[in-house]
Amino acid sequence: MTVAPSFLLRELQQAETSCIKCGFCLPTCPTYRLTGSEAASPRGRIDLMQAVAYGELEAEEIYDQLDLCLGCRACETACPAGVEFGKLLETGRAVARVGAKPSRLGAWLHYVGLHVLLTSPGWMWVVAGLLRFYQISGLQTLLRNSGLLERFSPAMAAAEAAMPAVPATAARQRVPSETDPEGEVRDTVAMLTGCV
């Protein structure tokens, strides 16, 4: 087994980032609450990063768990030891990303998601309609009950489980490019409509 770069080991060994395994982070972690898996918790991810740092696991073996983390850092506010999990996560992801061998499908989905869908409100509207159909047609229930997604891709299954209910087309409204002000006009503002 290869040992991870020394910068991961340094981050893990710093006194201010040493996890005492108290578990206070567990109820604050959305992925742990959703999956119930210790590996999907902050302390579980720290253990995985330590295993990579000491050569017990290969970096690509922890890629999915680190990628599943939302990076919300809610665990940091609950931690009595002051673990800076965000810093650890960034370092761990950098190491795991280098070790991971993404599939062609994964690379294609990544490109389409970031460079096609998120840059086009029209395509996002189409995707919202397709997701709405998926939810109300019974396909979502069928897929969840079958357990196929969990076997095919646990990360995708967790993301699908966290998907909110998509409102009907009538309830979804495009943000107008201009909105008439209410009250006294004092200034001009702009709104970025590309954010999701």
N, C-alpha and C. Protein backbone atom coordinates (compact mmCIF):
# COMPACT_ATOMS: atom_id res chain seq x y z
N MET A 1 0.85 -1.19 0.00
CA MET A 1 0.00 0.00 0.00
C MET A 1 0.88 1.24 0.00
N THR A 2 0.41 2.25 -0.68
CA THR A 2 1.16 3.50 -0.72
C THR A 2 0.67 4.44 0.38
N VAL A 3 1.58 5.21 0.91
CA VAL A 3 1.20 6.17 1.96
C VAL A 3 0.81 7.46 1.29
N ALA A 4 -0.26 8.09 1.78
CA ALA A 4 -0.76 9.33 1.21
C ALA A 4 0.26 10.44 1.40
N PRO A 5 0.13 11.52 0.65
CA PRO A 5 1.05 12.64 0.79
C PRO A 5 1.12 13.13 2.23
N SER A 6 2.29 13.64 2.59
CA SER A 6 2.53 14.04 3.98
C SER A 6 1.62 15.17 4.43
N PHE A 7 1.11 15.98 3.48
CA PHE A 7 0.26 17.09 3.92
C PHE A 7 -1.05 16.59 4.52
N LEU A 8 -1.55 15.42 4.09
CA LEU A 8 -2.74 14.84 4.72
C LEU A 8 -2.41 14.40 6.13
N LEU A 9 -1.28 13.75 6.29
CA LEU A 9 -0.85 13.31 7.62
C LEU A 9 -0.67 14.49 8.56
N ARG A 10 -0.06 15.57 8.06
CA ARG A 10 0.13 16.79 8.87
C ARG A 10 -1.20 17.36 9.33
N GLU A 11 -2.16 17.44 8.41
CA GLU A 11 -3.48 17.99 8.77
C GLU A 11 -4.13 17.14 9.85
N LEU A 12 -4.03 15.82 9.71
CA LEU A 12 -4.67 14.93 10.67
C LEU A 12 -3.99 14.95 12.03
N GLN A 13 -2.70 15.24 12.06
CA GLN A 13 -1.96 15.18 13.32
C GLN A 13 -1.99 16.49 14.11
N GLN A 14 -2.46 17.57 13.50
CA GLN A 14 -2.47 18.84 14.21
C GLN A 14 -3.38 18.75 15.42
N ALA A 15 -2.90 19.31 16.51
CA ALA A 15 -3.63 19.20 17.78
C ALA A 15 -5.03 19.80 17.69
N GLU A 16 -5.17 20.93 16.99
CA GLU A 16 -6.48 21.58 16.95
C GLU A 16 -7.47 20.84 16.06
N THR A 17 -7.01 19.84 15.33
CA THR A 17 -7.93 19.06 14.50
C THR A 17 -7.97 17.60 14.91
N SER A 18 -7.73 17.31 16.19
CA SER A 18 -7.77 15.91 16.63
C SER A 18 -9.14 15.56 17.18
N CYS A 19 -9.80 14.66 16.50
CA CYS A 19 -11.14 14.22 16.87
C CYS A 19 -11.08 13.34 18.11
N ILE A 20 -11.96 13.60 19.08
CA ILE A 20 -11.99 12.79 20.30
C ILE A 20 -13.09 11.72 20.25
N LYS A 21 -13.73 11.58 19.09
CA LYS A 21 -14.74 10.53 18.84
C LYS A 21 -15.93 10.59 19.80
N CYS A 22 -16.33 11.80 20.19
CA CYS A 22 -17.42 11.95 21.15
C CYS A 22 -18.80 11.71 20.53
N GLY A 23 -18.92 11.93 19.22
CA GLY A 23 -20.19 11.70 18.54
C GLY A 23 -21.14 12.88 18.53
N PHE A 24 -20.72 14.04 19.06
CA PHE A 24 -21.59 15.22 19.04
C PHE A 24 -21.88 15.68 17.61
N CYS A 25 -21.01 15.33 16.68
CA CYS A 25 -21.19 15.74 15.29
C CYS A 25 -22.27 14.94 14.57
N LEU A 26 -22.56 13.74 15.05
CA LEU A 26 -23.46 12.85 14.32
C LEU A 26 -24.84 13.45 14.05
N PRO A 27 -25.54 14.00 15.05
CA PRO A 27 -26.88 14.53 14.75
C PRO A 27 -26.86 15.78 13.87
N THR A 28 -25.71 16.44 13.75
CA THR A 28 -25.65 17.64 12.91
C THR A 28 -25.31 17.33 11.46
N CYS A 29 -24.88 16.09 11.18
CA CYS A 29 -24.41 15.73 9.84
C CYS A 29 -25.56 15.22 8.97
N PRO A 30 -25.89 15.94 7.89
CA PRO A 30 -27.02 15.52 7.05
C PRO A 30 -26.82 14.15 6.40
N THR A 31 -25.60 13.84 5.98
CA THR A 31 -25.40 12.55 5.31
C THR A 31 -25.45 11.40 6.30
N TYR A 32 -24.99 11.62 7.52
CA TYR A 32 -25.11 10.56 8.54
C TYR A 32 -26.57 10.33 8.90
N ARG A 33 -27.33 11.43 9.08
CA ARG A 33 -28.74 11.28 9.42
C ARG A 33 -29.50 10.56 8.31
N LEU A 34 -29.12 10.82 7.08
CA LEU A 34 -29.80 10.21 5.94
C LEU A 34 -29.45 8.74 5.79
N THR A 35 -28.16 8.41 5.91
CA THR A 35 -27.72 7.03 5.64
C THR A 35 -27.62 6.17 6.89
N GLY A 36 -27.34 6.78 8.05
CA GLY A 36 -27.12 6.01 9.27
C GLY A 36 -25.79 5.28 9.26
N SER A 37 -24.95 5.56 8.30
CA SER A 37 -23.66 4.89 8.17
C SER A 37 -22.57 5.70 8.86
N GLU A 38 -21.80 5.05 9.71
CA GLU A 38 -20.70 5.72 10.40
C GLU A 38 -19.69 6.29 9.42
N ALA A 39 -19.48 5.60 8.31
CA ALA A 39 -18.53 6.10 7.29
C ALA A 39 -19.01 7.39 6.66
N ALA A 40 -20.30 7.69 6.76
CA ALA A 40 -20.86 8.92 6.20
C ALA A 40 -20.96 10.01 7.26
N SER A 41 -20.28 9.84 8.37
CA SER A 41 -20.26 10.86 9.44
C SER A 41 -18.90 11.55 9.45
N PRO A 42 -18.80 12.70 10.10
CA PRO A 42 -17.50 13.38 10.16
C PRO A 42 -16.41 12.52 10.80
N ARG A 43 -16.72 11.90 11.93
CA ARG A 43 -15.67 11.10 12.58
C ARG A 43 -15.33 9.86 11.77
N GLY A 44 -16.31 9.31 11.06
CA GLY A 44 -16.04 8.17 10.18
C GLY A 44 -15.15 8.58 9.02
N ARG A 45 -15.40 9.76 8.48
CA ARG A 45 -14.57 10.25 7.38
C ARG A 45 -13.15 10.55 7.85
N ILE A 46 -13.02 11.04 9.06
CA ILE A 46 -11.68 11.28 9.62
C ILE A 46 -10.94 9.96 9.76
N ASP A 47 -11.64 8.92 10.24
CA ASP A 47 -11.02 7.59 10.34
C ASP A 47 -10.57 7.08 8.97
N LEU A 48 -11.40 7.30 7.96
CA LEU A 48 -11.04 6.86 6.61
C LEU A 48 -9.80 7.61 6.11
N MET A 49 -9.75 8.92 6.37
CA MET A 49 -8.58 9.70 5.94
C MET A 49 -7.32 9.25 6.68
N GLN A 50 -7.47 8.91 7.98
CA GLN A 50 -6.32 8.42 8.74
C GLN A 50 -5.84 7.09 8.17
N ALA A 51 -6.78 6.24 7.78
CA ALA A 51 -6.40 4.95 7.20
C ALA A 51 -5.61 5.14 5.91
N VAL A 52 -6.00 6.15 5.11
CA VAL A 52 -5.25 6.45 3.89
C VAL A 52 -3.88 7.03 4.25
N ALA A 53 -3.83 7.93 5.22
CA ALA A 53 -2.58 8.58 5.61
C ALA A 53 -1.56 7.56 6.12
N TYR A 54 -2.03 6.50 6.78
CA TYR A 54 -1.11 5.50 7.33
C TYR A 54 -0.96 4.28 6.42
N GLY A 55 -1.49 4.37 5.20
CA GLY A 55 -1.29 3.31 4.22
C GLY A 55 -2.16 2.08 4.41
N GLU A 56 -3.21 2.18 5.22
CA GLU A 56 -4.10 1.03 5.44
C GLU A 56 -5.16 0.92 4.34
N LEU A 57 -5.47 2.03 3.66
CA LEU A 57 -6.42 2.05 2.56
C LEU A 57 -5.81 2.84 1.41
N GLU A 58 -6.25 2.55 0.20
CA GLU A 58 -5.85 3.34 -0.95
C GLU A 58 -6.77 4.57 -1.02
N ALA A 59 -6.27 5.66 -1.57
CA ALA A 59 -7.03 6.91 -1.62
C ALA A 59 -8.35 6.74 -2.36
N GLU A 60 -8.35 5.96 -3.45
CA GLU A 60 -9.58 5.83 -4.23
C GLU A 60 -10.68 5.10 -3.46
N GLU A 61 -10.32 4.37 -2.41
CA GLU A 61 -11.31 3.64 -1.63
C GLU A 61 -12.20 4.56 -0.80
N ILE A 62 -11.73 5.75 -0.49
CA ILE A 62 -12.53 6.67 0.33
C ILE A 62 -13.15 7.79 -0.50
N TYR A 63 -12.89 7.79 -1.79
CA TYR A 63 -13.36 8.88 -2.65
C TYR A 63 -14.87 9.10 -2.54
N ASP A 64 -15.66 8.01 -2.64
CA ASP A 64 -17.12 8.14 -2.62
C ASP A 64 -17.62 8.75 -1.32
N GLN A 65 -17.06 8.33 -0.19
CA GLN A 65 -17.52 8.86 1.09
C GLN A 65 -17.19 10.34 1.26
N LEU A 66 -16.01 10.75 0.81
CA LEU A 66 -15.65 12.16 0.91
C LEU A 66 -16.46 12.99 -0.07
N ASP A 67 -16.74 12.43 -1.24
CA ASP A 67 -17.52 13.13 -2.25
C ASP A 67 -18.97 13.30 -1.81
N LEU A 68 -19.48 12.36 -1.02
CA LEU A 68 -20.85 12.42 -0.54
C LEU A 68 -21.06 13.54 0.49
N CYS A 69 -20.01 13.95 1.16
CA CYS A 69 -20.11 15.01 2.17
C CYS A 69 -20.53 16.32 1.52
N LEU A 70 -21.48 17.01 2.13
CA LEU A 70 -21.96 18.28 1.59
C LEU A 70 -20.99 19.43 1.84
N GLY A 71 -20.08 19.24 2.78
CA GLY A 71 -19.15 20.31 3.11
C GLY A 71 -19.83 21.47 3.83
N CYS A 72 -20.94 21.20 4.49
CA CYS A 72 -21.70 22.27 5.16
C CYS A 72 -21.02 22.74 6.45
N ARG A 73 -20.15 21.91 7.00
CA ARG A 73 -19.37 22.20 8.21
C ARG A 73 -20.24 22.40 9.46
N ALA A 74 -21.46 21.85 9.44
CA ALA A 74 -22.31 21.91 10.63
C ALA A 74 -21.66 21.18 11.79
N CYS A 75 -20.85 20.18 11.48
CA CYS A 75 -20.17 19.40 12.52
C CYS A 75 -19.19 20.26 13.31
N GLU A 76 -18.63 21.28 12.68
CA GLU A 76 -17.65 22.12 13.36
C GLU A 76 -18.26 22.88 14.53
N THR A 77 -19.51 23.31 14.38
CA THR A 77 -20.14 24.07 15.46
C THR A 77 -20.49 23.18 16.65
N ALA A 78 -20.67 21.87 16.40
CA ALA A 78 -21.02 20.94 17.48
C ALA A 78 -19.80 20.32 18.15
N CYS A 79 -18.63 20.52 17.57
CA CYS A 79 -17.43 19.81 18.05
C CYS A 79 -16.79 20.50 19.25
N PRO A 80 -16.72 19.80 20.40
CA PRO A 80 -16.09 20.41 21.58
C PRO A 80 -14.56 20.46 21.47
N ALA A 81 -13.99 19.68 20.55
CA ALA A 81 -12.53 19.65 20.40
C ALA A 81 -12.04 20.67 19.37
N GLY A 82 -12.97 21.35 18.70
CA GLY A 82 -12.57 22.36 17.72
C GLY A 82 -11.99 21.80 16.44
N VAL A 83 -12.44 20.61 16.04
CA VAL A 83 -11.94 20.01 14.80
C VAL A 83 -12.37 20.88 13.62
N GLU A 84 -11.40 21.27 12.81
CA GLU A 84 -11.68 22.05 11.61
C GLU A 84 -11.92 21.07 10.46
N PHE A 85 -13.13 20.52 10.43
CA PHE A 85 -13.42 19.46 9.48
C PHE A 85 -13.34 19.94 8.04
N GLY A 86 -13.71 21.19 7.79
CA GLY A 86 -13.66 21.71 6.43
C GLY A 86 -12.26 21.63 5.84
N LYS A 87 -11.25 21.96 6.66
CA LYS A 87 -9.86 21.89 6.22
C LYS A 87 -9.45 20.44 5.94
N LEU A 88 -9.86 19.55 6.83
CA LEU A 88 -9.55 18.13 6.65
C LEU A 88 -10.22 17.58 5.38
N LEU A 89 -11.47 17.99 5.17
CA LEU A 89 -12.21 17.50 4.01
C LEU A 89 -11.55 17.95 2.71
N GLU A 90 -11.14 19.21 2.65
CA GLU A 90 -10.48 19.72 1.44
C GLU A 90 -9.21 18.93 1.14
N THR A 91 -8.42 18.68 2.18
CA THR A 91 -7.17 17.95 2.00
C THR A 91 -7.45 16.50 1.61
N GLY A 92 -8.40 15.87 2.30
CA GLY A 92 -8.76 14.48 1.99
C GLY A 92 -9.30 14.33 0.58
N ARG A 93 -10.13 15.28 0.16
CA ARG A 93 -10.68 15.21 -1.20
C ARG A 93 -9.58 15.38 -2.24
N ALA A 94 -8.62 16.26 -1.97
CA ALA A 94 -7.52 16.45 -2.92
C ALA A 94 -6.73 15.15 -3.10
N VAL A 95 -6.47 14.47 -1.99
CA VAL A 95 -5.73 13.20 -2.05
C VAL A 95 -6.57 12.12 -2.72
N ALA A 96 -7.85 12.02 -2.35
CA ALA A 96 -8.72 10.98 -2.90
C ALA A 96 -9.00 11.21 -4.38
N ARG A 97 -9.12 12.47 -4.78
CA ARG A 97 -9.41 12.77 -6.19
C ARG A 97 -8.27 12.33 -7.09
N VAL A 98 -7.04 12.52 -6.61
CA VAL A 98 -5.87 12.09 -7.38
C VAL A 98 -5.86 10.57 -7.51
N GLY A 99 -6.24 9.88 -6.43
CA GLY A 99 -6.23 8.41 -6.45
C GLY A 99 -7.41 7.80 -7.17
N ALA A 100 -8.51 8.56 -7.30
CA ALA A 100 -9.72 8.01 -7.91
C ALA A 100 -9.58 7.93 -9.42
N LYS A 101 -10.16 6.90 -9.95
CA LYS A 101 -10.16 6.73 -11.41
C LYS A 101 -11.60 6.88 -11.88
N PRO A 102 -12.01 8.09 -12.26
CA PRO A 102 -13.41 8.30 -12.63
C PRO A 102 -13.76 7.54 -13.91
N SER A 103 -14.98 7.07 -13.94
CA SER A 103 -15.46 6.37 -15.13
C SER A 103 -15.76 7.40 -16.22
N ARG A 104 -15.88 6.91 -17.43
CA ARG A 104 -16.24 7.81 -18.54
C ARG A 104 -17.63 8.38 -18.32
N LEU A 105 -18.54 7.55 -17.80
CA LEU A 105 -19.89 8.03 -17.52
C LEU A 105 -19.86 9.12 -16.46
N GLY A 106 -19.08 8.90 -15.39
CA GLY A 106 -18.98 9.90 -14.33
C GLY A 106 -18.41 11.22 -14.84
N ALA A 107 -17.38 11.13 -15.67
CA ALA A 107 -16.77 12.34 -16.22
C ALA A 107 -17.75 13.06 -17.14
N TRP A 108 -18.52 12.30 -17.92
CA TRP A 108 -19.50 12.89 -18.82
C TRP A 108 -20.61 13.58 -18.04
N LEU A 109 -21.12 12.90 -16.98
CA LEU A 109 -22.18 13.49 -16.15
C LEU A 109 -21.68 14.75 -15.46
N HIS A 110 -20.44 14.74 -15.01
CA HIS A 110 -19.85 15.90 -14.37
C HIS A 110 -19.81 17.08 -15.34
N TYR A 111 -19.37 16.80 -16.57
CA TYR A 111 -19.29 17.86 -17.58
C TYR A 111 -20.68 18.40 -17.91
N VAL A 112 -21.63 17.51 -18.17
CA VAL A 112 -22.99 17.94 -18.53
C VAL A 112 -23.62 18.74 -17.39
N GLY A 113 -23.45 18.27 -16.17
CA GLY A 113 -24.04 18.97 -15.03
C GLY A 113 -23.49 20.37 -14.84
N LEU A 114 -22.16 20.50 -14.90
CA LEU A 114 -21.54 21.79 -14.62
C LEU A 114 -21.51 22.73 -15.82
N HIS A 115 -21.31 22.19 -17.00
CA HIS A 115 -21.09 23.06 -18.16
C HIS A 115 -22.30 23.21 -19.08
N VAL A 116 -23.28 22.33 -18.95
CA VAL A 116 -24.46 22.43 -19.81
C VAL A 116 -25.68 22.84 -19.00
N LEU A 117 -26.03 22.03 -17.99
CA LEU A 117 -27.26 22.30 -17.24
C LEU A 117 -27.20 23.58 -16.42
N LEU A 118 -26.14 23.73 -15.62
CA LEU A 118 -26.08 24.88 -14.72
C LEU A 118 -25.88 26.20 -15.45
N THR A 119 -25.43 26.15 -16.68
CA THR A 119 -25.22 27.39 -17.43
C THR A 119 -26.43 27.77 -18.27
N SER A 120 -27.47 26.95 -18.27
CA SER A 120 -28.63 27.21 -19.11
C SER A 120 -29.93 27.07 -18.31
N PRO A 121 -30.58 28.20 -17.98
CA PRO A 121 -31.86 28.12 -17.26
C PRO A 121 -32.91 27.31 -18.03
N GLY A 122 -32.87 27.35 -19.37
CA GLY A 122 -33.82 26.58 -20.18
C GLY A 122 -33.68 25.08 -19.96
N TRP A 123 -32.43 24.60 -19.94
CA TRP A 123 -32.20 23.18 -19.69
C TRP A 123 -32.57 22.81 -18.26
N MET A 124 -32.34 23.71 -17.32
CA MET A 124 -32.73 23.43 -15.92
C MET A 124 -34.25 23.28 -15.82
N TRP A 125 -34.99 24.09 -16.61
CA TRP A 125 -36.45 24.00 -16.63
C TRP A 125 -36.88 22.63 -17.15
N VAL A 126 -36.22 22.15 -18.18
CA VAL A 126 -36.52 20.83 -18.75
C VAL A 126 -36.22 19.73 -17.72
N VAL A 127 -35.07 19.82 -17.07
CA VAL A 127 -34.69 18.83 -16.06
C VAL A 127 -35.69 18.82 -14.90
N ALA A 128 -36.14 20.01 -14.48
CA ALA A 128 -37.14 20.08 -13.40
C ALA A 128 -38.42 19.37 -13.82
N GLY A 129 -38.83 19.54 -15.07
CA GLY A 129 -40.02 18.84 -15.56
C GLY A 129 -39.85 17.34 -15.58
N LEU A 130 -38.67 16.88 -15.99
CA LEU A 130 -38.40 15.44 -16.02
C LEU A 130 -38.36 14.86 -14.60
N LEU A 131 -37.77 15.60 -13.67
CA LEU A 131 -37.74 15.14 -12.28
C LEU A 131 -39.14 15.10 -11.67
N ARG A 132 -39.96 16.08 -12.03
CA ARG A 132 -41.35 16.10 -11.55
C ARG A 132 -42.08 14.85 -12.07
N PHE A 133 -41.92 14.54 -13.35
CA PHE A 133 -42.54 13.34 -13.93
C PHE A 133 -42.03 12.08 -13.22
N TYR A 134 -40.74 12.02 -12.97
CA TYR A 134 -40.13 10.88 -12.28
C TYR A 134 -40.77 10.68 -10.90
N GLN A 135 -41.04 11.79 -10.21
CA GLN A 135 -41.59 11.68 -8.85
C GLN A 135 -43.07 11.31 -8.84
N ILE A 136 -43.86 11.87 -9.76
CA ILE A 136 -45.31 11.63 -9.69
C ILE A 136 -45.77 10.41 -10.49
N SER A 137 -44.92 9.88 -11.37
CA SER A 137 -45.31 8.75 -12.22
C SER A 137 -45.23 7.40 -11.51
N GLY A 138 -44.59 7.38 -10.37
CA GLY A 138 -44.40 6.11 -9.67
C GLY A 138 -43.03 5.51 -9.90
N LEU A 139 -42.25 6.08 -10.83
CA LEU A 139 -40.91 5.57 -11.09
C LEU A 139 -40.01 5.70 -9.86
N GLN A 140 -40.16 6.82 -9.13
CA GLN A 140 -39.34 7.03 -7.95
C GLN A 140 -39.62 5.95 -6.90
N THR A 141 -40.89 5.69 -6.66
CA THR A 141 -41.27 4.66 -5.68
C THR A 141 -40.76 3.29 -6.12
N LEU A 142 -40.93 2.98 -7.39
CA LEU A 142 -40.47 1.71 -7.94
C LEU A 142 -38.96 1.54 -7.77
N LEU A 143 -38.21 2.58 -8.12
CA LEU A 143 -36.75 2.50 -8.02
C LEU A 143 -36.29 2.38 -6.57
N ARG A 144 -36.92 3.14 -5.69
CA ARG A 144 -36.53 3.07 -4.27
C ARG A 144 -36.86 1.71 -3.67
N ASN A 145 -38.02 1.17 -4.00
CA ASN A 145 -38.41 -0.14 -3.45
C ASN A 145 -37.57 -1.28 -4.00
N SER A 146 -37.07 -1.13 -5.21
CA SER A 146 -36.29 -2.21 -5.83
C SER A 146 -34.90 -2.35 -5.21
N GLY A 147 -34.35 -1.25 -4.69
CA GLY A 147 -33.01 -1.29 -4.11
C GLY A 147 -31.89 -1.33 -5.14
N LEU A 148 -32.24 -1.19 -6.43
CA LEU A 148 -31.23 -1.24 -7.49
C LEU A 148 -30.22 -0.10 -7.40
N LEU A 149 -30.72 1.09 -7.09
CA LEU A 149 -29.82 2.25 -7.05
C LEU A 149 -28.77 2.11 -5.95
N GLU A 150 -29.17 1.55 -4.79
CA GLU A 150 -28.21 1.34 -3.70
C GLU A 150 -27.11 0.37 -4.12
N ARG A 151 -27.48 -0.66 -4.87
CA ARG A 151 -26.48 -1.62 -5.32
C ARG A 151 -25.60 -1.06 -6.43
N PHE A 152 -26.19 -0.25 -7.31
CA PHE A 152 -25.45 0.32 -8.44
C PHE A 152 -24.53 1.44 -7.99
N SER A 153 -25.06 2.37 -7.20
CA SER A 153 -24.27 3.52 -6.75
C SER A 153 -24.82 4.06 -5.44
N PRO A 154 -24.20 3.72 -4.30
CA PRO A 154 -24.67 4.24 -3.01
C PRO A 154 -24.69 5.76 -2.95
N ALA A 155 -23.71 6.41 -3.58
CA ALA A 155 -23.66 7.88 -3.56
C ALA A 155 -24.85 8.46 -4.31
N MET A 156 -25.18 7.86 -5.47
CA MET A 156 -26.32 8.34 -6.24
C MET A 156 -27.63 8.06 -5.50
N ALA A 157 -27.70 6.94 -4.80
CA ALA A 157 -28.90 6.60 -4.03
C ALA A 157 -29.11 7.61 -2.91
N ALA A 158 -28.02 8.01 -2.25
CA ALA A 158 -28.13 9.00 -1.17
C ALA A 158 -28.56 10.35 -1.73
N ALA A 159 -28.03 10.73 -2.88
CA ALA A 159 -28.42 11.99 -3.51
C ALA A 159 -29.88 11.95 -3.93
N GLU A 160 -30.32 10.82 -4.47
CA GLU A 160 -31.71 10.68 -4.90
C GLU A 160 -32.65 10.74 -3.70
N ALA A 161 -32.24 10.13 -2.59
CA ALA A 161 -33.07 10.14 -1.38
C ALA A 161 -33.21 11.55 -0.81
N ALA A 162 -32.20 12.39 -1.04
CA ALA A 162 -32.24 13.75 -0.51
C ALA A 162 -32.94 14.72 -1.45
N MET A 163 -33.36 14.26 -2.63
CA MET A 163 -33.99 15.14 -3.61
C MET A 163 -35.34 15.64 -3.08
N PRO A 164 -35.54 16.94 -3.08
CA PRO A 164 -36.83 17.47 -2.60
C PRO A 164 -37.93 17.23 -3.64
N ALA A 165 -39.17 17.37 -3.21
CA ALA A 165 -40.30 17.24 -4.13
C ALA A 165 -40.27 18.42 -5.10
N VAL A 166 -40.33 18.12 -6.38
CA VAL A 166 -40.32 19.17 -7.40
C VAL A 166 -41.76 19.65 -7.59
N PRO A 167 -41.99 20.96 -7.47
CA PRO A 167 -43.36 21.46 -7.62
C PRO A 167 -43.86 21.35 -9.07
N ALA A 168 -45.17 21.39 -9.22
CA ALA A 168 -45.78 21.35 -10.55
C ALA A 168 -45.36 22.57 -11.35
N THR A 169 -45.50 22.48 -12.65
CA THR A 169 -45.08 23.56 -13.55
C THR A 169 -45.76 24.87 -13.19
N ALA A 170 -47.04 24.81 -12.81
CA ALA A 170 -47.77 26.04 -12.47
C ALA A 170 -47.16 26.72 -11.24
N ALA A 171 -46.60 25.94 -10.34
CA ALA A 171 -46.02 26.52 -9.12
C ALA A 171 -44.60 27.01 -9.35
N ARG A 172 -43.93 26.47 -10.41
CA ARG A 172 -42.58 26.92 -10.73
C ARG A 172 -42.68 28.15 -11.61
N GLN A 173 -42.04 29.20 -11.22
CA GLN A 173 -42.09 30.43 -12.01
C GLN A 173 -40.68 30.86 -12.36
N ARG A 174 -40.51 31.27 -13.59
CA ARG A 174 -39.22 31.81 -14.00
C ARG A 174 -39.05 33.17 -13.32
N VAL A 175 -37.82 33.46 -12.96
CA VAL A 175 -37.54 34.77 -12.37
C VAL A 175 -37.49 35.78 -13.51
N PRO A 176 -38.33 36.82 -13.45
CA PRO A 176 -38.32 37.79 -14.53
C PRO A 176 -37.00 38.55 -14.58
N SER A 177 -36.63 38.97 -15.79
CA SER A 177 -35.36 39.70 -15.92
C SER A 177 -35.45 41.06 -15.25
N GLU A 178 -36.66 41.61 -15.18
CA GLU A 178 -36.85 42.89 -14.49
C GLU A 178 -38.10 42.81 -13.65
N THR A 179 -38.07 43.40 -12.46
CA THR A 179 -39.21 43.42 -11.57
C THR A 179 -39.45 44.87 -11.17
N ASP A 180 -40.67 45.31 -11.31
CA ASP A 180 -40.99 46.69 -10.93
C ASP A 180 -40.81 46.86 -9.43
N PRO A 181 -40.17 47.95 -9.03
CA PRO A 181 -39.93 48.17 -7.60
C PRO A 181 -41.21 48.52 -6.86
N GLU A 182 -41.22 48.20 -5.58
CA GLU A 182 -42.32 48.59 -4.71
C GLU A 182 -41.84 49.73 -3.84
N GLY A 183 -42.69 50.69 -3.59
CA GLY A 183 -42.30 51.84 -2.77
C GLY A 183 -41.49 52.84 -3.55
N GLU A 184 -40.76 53.63 -2.85
CA GLU A 184 -39.95 54.70 -3.46
C GLU A 184 -38.70 54.11 -4.12
N VAL A 185 -38.45 54.52 -5.37
CA VAL A 185 -37.27 54.04 -6.09
C VAL A 185 -36.05 54.75 -5.53
N ARG A 186 -35.06 53.95 -5.05
CA ARG A 186 -33.85 54.53 -4.48
C ARG A 186 -32.61 54.16 -5.25
N ASP A 187 -32.62 52.96 -5.86
CA ASP A 187 -31.42 52.49 -6.55
C ASP A 187 -31.79 51.38 -7.52
N THR A 188 -30.84 50.91 -8.27
CA THR A 188 -31.04 49.81 -9.21
C THR A 188 -30.22 48.61 -8.73
N VAL A 189 -30.83 47.44 -8.75
CA VAL A 189 -30.12 46.22 -8.34
C VAL A 189 -30.26 45.19 -9.44
N ALA A 190 -29.39 44.20 -9.41
CA ALA A 190 -29.45 43.10 -10.37
C ALA A 190 -29.49 41.78 -9.61
N MET A 191 -30.08 40.78 -10.23
CA MET A 191 -30.14 39.46 -9.60
C MET A 191 -29.59 38.42 -10.55
N LEU A 192 -28.70 37.59 -10.05
CA LEU A 192 -28.12 36.52 -10.85
C LEU A 192 -29.13 35.37 -10.90
N THR A 193 -29.61 35.04 -12.09
CA THR A 193 -30.63 33.97 -12.21
C THR A 193 -30.00 32.62 -12.50
N GLY A 194 -28.67 32.55 -12.59
CA GLY A 194 -28.03 31.28 -12.91
C GLY A 194 -27.79 30.39 -11.72
N CYS A 195 -27.95 30.89 -10.51
CA CYS A 195 -27.70 30.07 -9.31
C CYS A 195 -28.84 29.08 -9.10
N VAL A 196 -28.50 27.93 -8.58
CA VAL A 196 -29.51 26.91 -8.31
C VAL A 196 -29.63 26.78 -6.80
